[in-house]
Protein backbone atom coordinates (compact mmCIF):
# COMPACT_ATOMS: atom_id res chain seq x y z
CA MET A 1 -42.82 -46.80 -11.58
CA ASP A 2 -39.71 -44.65 -11.44
CA ALA A 3 -36.76 -45.19 -9.08
CA ALA A 4 -38.01 -42.81 -6.38
CA GLN A 5 -41.44 -44.47 -6.35
CA ARG A 6 -39.80 -47.89 -6.22
CA ARG A 7 -37.67 -46.94 -3.22
CA GLU A 8 -40.76 -45.55 -1.48
CA GLU A 9 -42.54 -48.85 -2.12
CA ILE A 10 -39.55 -50.73 -0.66
CA ARG A 11 -39.83 -48.53 2.46
CA LYS A 12 -43.50 -49.45 2.76
CA ILE A 13 -42.81 -53.17 2.29
CA LEU A 14 -40.15 -53.13 5.01
CA GLY A 15 -42.26 -50.93 7.26
CA ARG A 16 -45.24 -53.28 7.32
CA SER A 17 -43.21 -56.48 7.78
CA ARG A 18 -42.05 -57.66 11.20
CA GLU A 19 -40.06 -60.51 9.64
CA PRO A 20 -37.07 -60.16 7.30
CA VAL A 21 -38.02 -59.76 3.64
CA SER A 22 -35.71 -61.21 1.00
CA ALA A 23 -34.51 -59.11 -1.92
CA ALA A 24 -36.13 -61.64 -4.26
CA THR A 25 -39.51 -61.16 -2.58
CA ILE A 26 -39.22 -57.38 -2.77
CA ALA A 27 -38.12 -57.66 -6.40
CA SER A 28 -41.21 -59.65 -7.33
CA GLU A 29 -43.46 -57.09 -5.61
CA VAL A 30 -41.92 -54.08 -7.37
CA HIS A 31 -41.30 -55.92 -10.67
CA VAL A 32 -37.54 -55.44 -10.97
CA SER A 33 -34.51 -57.69 -10.59
CA ARG A 34 -33.10 -58.68 -7.22
CA GLN A 35 -29.91 -56.74 -8.01
CA ILE A 36 -31.90 -53.51 -8.53
CA VAL A 37 -33.45 -54.02 -5.07
CA VAL A 38 -30.00 -54.54 -3.53
CA GLY A 39 -28.88 -51.25 -5.09
CA ASP A 40 -32.00 -49.46 -3.89
CA ILE A 41 -31.44 -50.77 -0.35
CA ALA A 42 -27.89 -49.38 -0.50
CA LEU A 43 -29.22 -45.99 -1.61
CA LEU A 44 -31.85 -45.98 1.15
CA ARG A 45 -29.16 -46.78 3.71
CA ALA A 46 -26.91 -44.05 2.33
CA GLY A 47 -29.84 -41.67 2.71
CA GLY A 48 -30.00 -42.45 6.42
CA MET A 49 -32.61 -45.21 6.60
CA ASP A 50 -31.76 -47.85 9.21
CA ILE A 51 -32.12 -51.17 7.38
CA ALA A 52 -30.62 -54.32 8.85
CA ALA A 53 -29.50 -57.17 6.60
CA THR A 54 -30.01 -60.67 7.96
CA PRO A 55 -29.38 -64.07 6.36
CA ARG A 56 -33.15 -64.23 5.69
CA GLY A 57 -33.53 -60.74 4.23
CA TYR A 58 -33.88 -57.08 5.11
CA VAL A 59 -35.69 -55.75 8.16
CA LEU A 60 -36.19 -52.45 9.93
CA PRO A 61 -34.88 -52.67 13.50
CA ALA A 62 -37.57 -52.53 16.16
CA PRO A 63 -37.78 -49.21 17.99
CA ALA A 64 -36.34 -49.21 21.47
CA ALA A 65 -38.89 -49.62 24.24
CA GLY A 66 -39.16 -46.71 26.61
CA LEU A 67 -37.07 -43.60 26.68
CA VAL A 68 -33.45 -43.93 25.64
CA ARG A 69 -30.98 -41.10 26.15
CA THR A 70 -27.25 -40.79 25.82
CA LEU A 71 -25.34 -38.55 28.16
CA ALA A 72 -21.84 -37.59 27.14
CA CYS A 73 -19.41 -36.18 29.66
CA ARG A 74 -15.67 -35.72 29.95
CA HIS A 75 -13.59 -36.26 33.04
CA ARG A 76 -9.98 -35.56 33.66
CA ALA A 77 -7.85 -38.57 34.56
CA ASP A 78 -7.78 -37.54 38.23
CA GLN A 79 -11.62 -37.44 38.33
CA MET A 80 -12.12 -41.01 37.10
CA GLU A 81 -12.59 -43.88 39.50
């Protein structure tokens, strides 16, 4: 398994788990050291993947329920109340 395949497998592991998964657990599933997994997680995050680190392991944040939108607007100081 090359590095790209390993990172894809890490995505799958995190995607199917609703509980945090430790780096050691991921490492045993992809047959590398825990430190390699930590590096892969950093690369996945740098690539834009939203991975949360908890004291119990890594987890993908749950998607927001319903529709969420952000509206940005600018007001002059005299328009603010």
